[in-house]
N, C-alpha and C. Protein backbone atom coordinates (compact mmCIF):
# COMPACT_ATOMS: atom_id res chain seq x y z
N MET A 1 -10.62 1.19 15.21
CA MET A 1 -10.70 2.12 14.09
C MET A 1 -12.09 2.04 13.47
N THR A 2 -12.56 3.16 13.01
CA THR A 2 -13.83 3.18 12.30
C THR A 2 -13.64 2.55 10.92
N GLU A 3 -14.74 2.32 10.25
CA GLU A 3 -14.69 1.70 8.93
C GLU A 3 -13.85 2.55 7.97
N PRO A 4 -12.89 1.94 7.27
CA PRO A 4 -12.05 2.71 6.34
C PRO A 4 -12.83 3.15 5.11
N PRO A 5 -12.30 4.11 4.35
CA PRO A 5 -12.99 4.62 3.17
C PRO A 5 -13.00 3.65 1.98
N GLY A 6 -12.28 2.57 2.07
CA GLY A 6 -12.24 1.56 1.02
C GLY A 6 -11.67 0.28 1.56
N ARG A 7 -11.86 -0.80 0.87
CA ARG A 7 -11.40 -2.11 1.35
C ARG A 7 -9.88 -2.28 1.20
N TYR A 8 -9.32 -1.70 0.15
CA TYR A 8 -7.89 -1.87 -0.13
C TYR A 8 -7.15 -0.57 0.17
N HIS A 9 -6.07 -0.69 0.92
CA HIS A 9 -5.33 0.47 1.42
C HIS A 9 -3.89 0.38 0.94
N LEU A 10 -3.42 1.42 0.28
CA LEU A 10 -2.04 1.53 -0.17
C LEU A 10 -1.38 2.65 0.61
N SER A 11 -0.25 2.35 1.22
CA SER A 11 0.48 3.40 1.94
C SER A 11 1.91 3.46 1.41
N LEU A 12 2.43 4.67 1.36
CA LEU A 12 3.79 4.94 0.92
C LEU A 12 4.54 5.62 2.05
N THR A 13 5.72 5.11 2.35
CA THR A 13 6.62 5.78 3.28
C THR A 13 7.94 6.03 2.57
N ILE A 14 8.53 7.16 2.87
CA ILE A 14 9.84 7.52 2.33
C ILE A 14 10.68 8.00 3.50
N ASP A 15 11.87 7.42 3.61
CA ASP A 15 12.77 7.74 4.73
C ASP A 15 12.07 7.54 6.07
N GLY A 16 11.21 6.53 6.16
CA GLY A 16 10.50 6.24 7.40
C GLY A 16 9.33 7.16 7.70
N ARG A 17 9.05 8.11 6.82
CA ARG A 17 7.92 9.04 7.01
C ARG A 17 6.74 8.61 6.16
N HIS A 18 5.59 8.55 6.76
CA HIS A 18 4.36 8.22 6.06
C HIS A 18 3.96 9.42 5.21
N VAL A 19 3.90 9.23 3.88
CA VAL A 19 3.64 10.37 3.01
C VAL A 19 2.37 10.26 2.16
N LEU A 20 1.78 9.06 2.05
CA LEU A 20 0.63 8.93 1.16
C LEU A 20 -0.23 7.75 1.57
N ASP A 21 -1.55 7.94 1.45
CA ASP A 21 -2.52 6.86 1.61
C ASP A 21 -3.46 6.88 0.43
N GLY A 22 -3.88 5.71 0.00
CA GLY A 22 -4.92 5.59 -1.01
C GLY A 22 -5.85 4.46 -0.61
N TRP A 23 -7.13 4.65 -0.88
CA TRP A 23 -8.15 3.64 -0.54
C TRP A 23 -9.02 3.36 -1.76
N TRP A 24 -9.27 2.07 -2.01
CA TRP A 24 -10.13 1.68 -3.12
C TRP A 24 -10.95 0.46 -2.72
N ASP A 25 -12.10 0.31 -3.34
CA ASP A 25 -12.92 -0.88 -3.13
C ASP A 25 -12.63 -1.96 -4.17
N ASP A 26 -12.06 -1.56 -5.29
CA ASP A 26 -11.78 -2.49 -6.38
C ASP A 26 -10.35 -3.03 -6.28
N PRO A 27 -10.16 -4.35 -6.20
CA PRO A 27 -8.80 -4.90 -6.07
C PRO A 27 -7.93 -4.64 -7.30
N ASP A 28 -8.52 -4.61 -8.48
CA ASP A 28 -7.74 -4.34 -9.69
C ASP A 28 -7.18 -2.92 -9.68
N THR A 29 -7.99 -1.98 -9.24
CA THR A 29 -7.52 -0.60 -9.14
C THR A 29 -6.39 -0.49 -8.12
N ALA A 30 -6.54 -1.15 -6.98
CA ALA A 30 -5.51 -1.12 -5.94
C ALA A 30 -4.20 -1.70 -6.46
N ASP A 31 -4.26 -2.82 -7.18
CA ASP A 31 -3.05 -3.42 -7.76
C ASP A 31 -2.42 -2.50 -8.79
N TRP A 32 -3.25 -1.88 -9.63
CA TRP A 32 -2.76 -0.96 -10.66
C TRP A 32 -2.05 0.23 -10.01
N LYS A 33 -2.63 0.77 -8.95
CA LYS A 33 -2.01 1.89 -8.23
C LYS A 33 -0.70 1.46 -7.59
N PHE A 34 -0.67 0.27 -6.99
CA PHE A 34 0.56 -0.25 -6.39
C PHE A 34 1.66 -0.34 -7.44
N ASP A 35 1.35 -0.95 -8.58
CA ASP A 35 2.35 -1.09 -9.65
C ASP A 35 2.85 0.26 -10.14
N GLY A 36 1.94 1.23 -10.29
CA GLY A 36 2.33 2.56 -10.73
C GLY A 36 3.23 3.27 -9.72
N MET A 37 2.88 3.15 -8.45
CA MET A 37 3.71 3.78 -7.41
C MET A 37 5.08 3.12 -7.33
N GLN A 38 5.12 1.81 -7.51
CA GLN A 38 6.39 1.10 -7.49
C GLN A 38 7.30 1.61 -8.60
N LYS A 39 6.76 1.75 -9.80
CA LYS A 39 7.55 2.26 -10.93
C LYS A 39 8.00 3.69 -10.68
N GLU A 40 7.12 4.49 -10.10
CA GLU A 40 7.43 5.90 -9.83
C GLU A 40 8.55 6.05 -8.82
N HIS A 41 8.65 5.13 -7.87
CA HIS A 41 9.61 5.28 -6.76
C HIS A 41 10.72 4.23 -6.78
N GLU A 42 10.86 3.47 -7.87
CA GLU A 42 11.84 2.38 -7.89
C GLU A 42 13.29 2.85 -7.72
N ALA A 43 13.59 4.08 -8.07
CA ALA A 43 14.95 4.59 -7.94
C ALA A 43 15.24 5.09 -6.51
N ASN A 44 14.22 5.17 -5.68
CA ASN A 44 14.38 5.67 -4.32
C ASN A 44 14.51 4.50 -3.36
N ALA A 45 15.73 4.24 -2.88
CA ALA A 45 15.99 3.11 -1.99
C ALA A 45 15.27 3.24 -0.66
N ASP A 46 14.82 4.43 -0.30
CA ASP A 46 14.15 4.64 0.99
C ASP A 46 12.63 4.60 0.90
N ALA A 47 12.09 4.30 -0.29
CA ALA A 47 10.64 4.23 -0.47
C ALA A 47 10.15 2.84 -0.12
N ARG A 48 8.98 2.77 0.53
CA ARG A 48 8.34 1.52 0.90
C ARG A 48 6.84 1.61 0.59
N LEU A 49 6.31 0.55 -0.01
CA LEU A 49 4.88 0.46 -0.30
C LEU A 49 4.29 -0.74 0.42
N LEU A 50 3.07 -0.56 0.90
CA LEU A 50 2.34 -1.65 1.53
C LEU A 50 0.89 -1.58 1.08
N LEU A 51 0.41 -2.68 0.51
CA LEU A 51 -0.98 -2.80 0.11
C LEU A 51 -1.64 -3.79 1.04
N THR A 52 -2.73 -3.36 1.67
CA THR A 52 -3.45 -4.22 2.60
C THR A 52 -4.92 -4.29 2.23
N GLU A 53 -5.59 -5.28 2.81
CA GLU A 53 -7.03 -5.44 2.62
C GLU A 53 -7.69 -5.42 3.99
N TRP A 54 -8.73 -4.61 4.13
CA TRP A 54 -9.53 -4.58 5.35
C TRP A 54 -10.64 -5.60 5.23
N ASP A 55 -10.73 -6.48 6.21
CA ASP A 55 -11.78 -7.49 6.21
C ASP A 55 -12.12 -7.84 7.66
N GLU A 56 -13.38 -7.76 7.98
CA GLU A 56 -13.88 -8.09 9.31
C GLU A 56 -13.15 -7.32 10.41
N GLY A 57 -12.90 -6.03 10.15
CA GLY A 57 -12.29 -5.17 11.15
C GLY A 57 -10.80 -5.32 11.32
N ARG A 58 -10.15 -6.08 10.44
CA ARG A 58 -8.69 -6.26 10.52
C ARG A 58 -8.05 -5.92 9.19
N GLU A 59 -6.79 -5.55 9.25
CA GLU A 59 -6.04 -5.20 8.05
C GLU A 59 -5.05 -6.33 7.74
N TRP A 60 -5.14 -6.87 6.53
CA TRP A 60 -4.30 -7.99 6.11
C TRP A 60 -3.34 -7.55 5.01
N PRO A 61 -2.04 -7.82 5.16
CA PRO A 61 -1.08 -7.44 4.11
C PRO A 61 -1.28 -8.29 2.86
N LEU A 62 -1.23 -7.62 1.71
CA LEU A 62 -1.33 -8.31 0.41
C LEU A 62 -0.03 -8.25 -0.37
N ARG A 63 0.53 -7.05 -0.48
CA ARG A 63 1.77 -6.84 -1.25
C ARG A 63 2.64 -5.83 -0.51
N GLU A 64 3.93 -6.04 -0.62
CA GLU A 64 4.89 -5.13 -0.01
C GLU A 64 6.07 -4.95 -0.95
N TRP A 65 6.54 -3.73 -1.04
CA TRP A 65 7.71 -3.44 -1.87
C TRP A 65 8.61 -2.45 -1.16
N PRO A 66 9.90 -2.69 -1.15
CA PRO A 66 10.52 -3.93 -1.60
C PRO A 66 10.09 -5.09 -0.72
N ALA A 67 10.23 -6.28 -1.27
CA ALA A 67 9.84 -7.48 -0.53
C ALA A 67 10.65 -7.58 0.77
N PRO A 68 10.01 -8.00 1.84
CA PRO A 68 10.75 -8.14 3.10
C PRO A 68 11.83 -9.20 2.98
N ALA A 69 12.93 -9.00 3.69
CA ALA A 69 14.03 -9.97 3.67
C ALA A 69 13.58 -11.27 4.35
N GLY A 70 14.10 -12.35 3.86
CA GLY A 70 13.81 -13.64 4.52
C GLY A 70 13.05 -14.49 3.68
């Protein structure tokens, strides 16, 4: 993959469909957006959020909602 538009990537899926991407370079902004999206979609049992960080050409998971089982 080419260089992403930002270091922090937030993705939203609903009913297994990818519906939104957001990219930011600031970690505080990425966390704030994650929290806002979580509140916006908390009533939707089929919504999933994943916040990752791109570093050295790889994507690392930072936060996931709902939390994975286990």
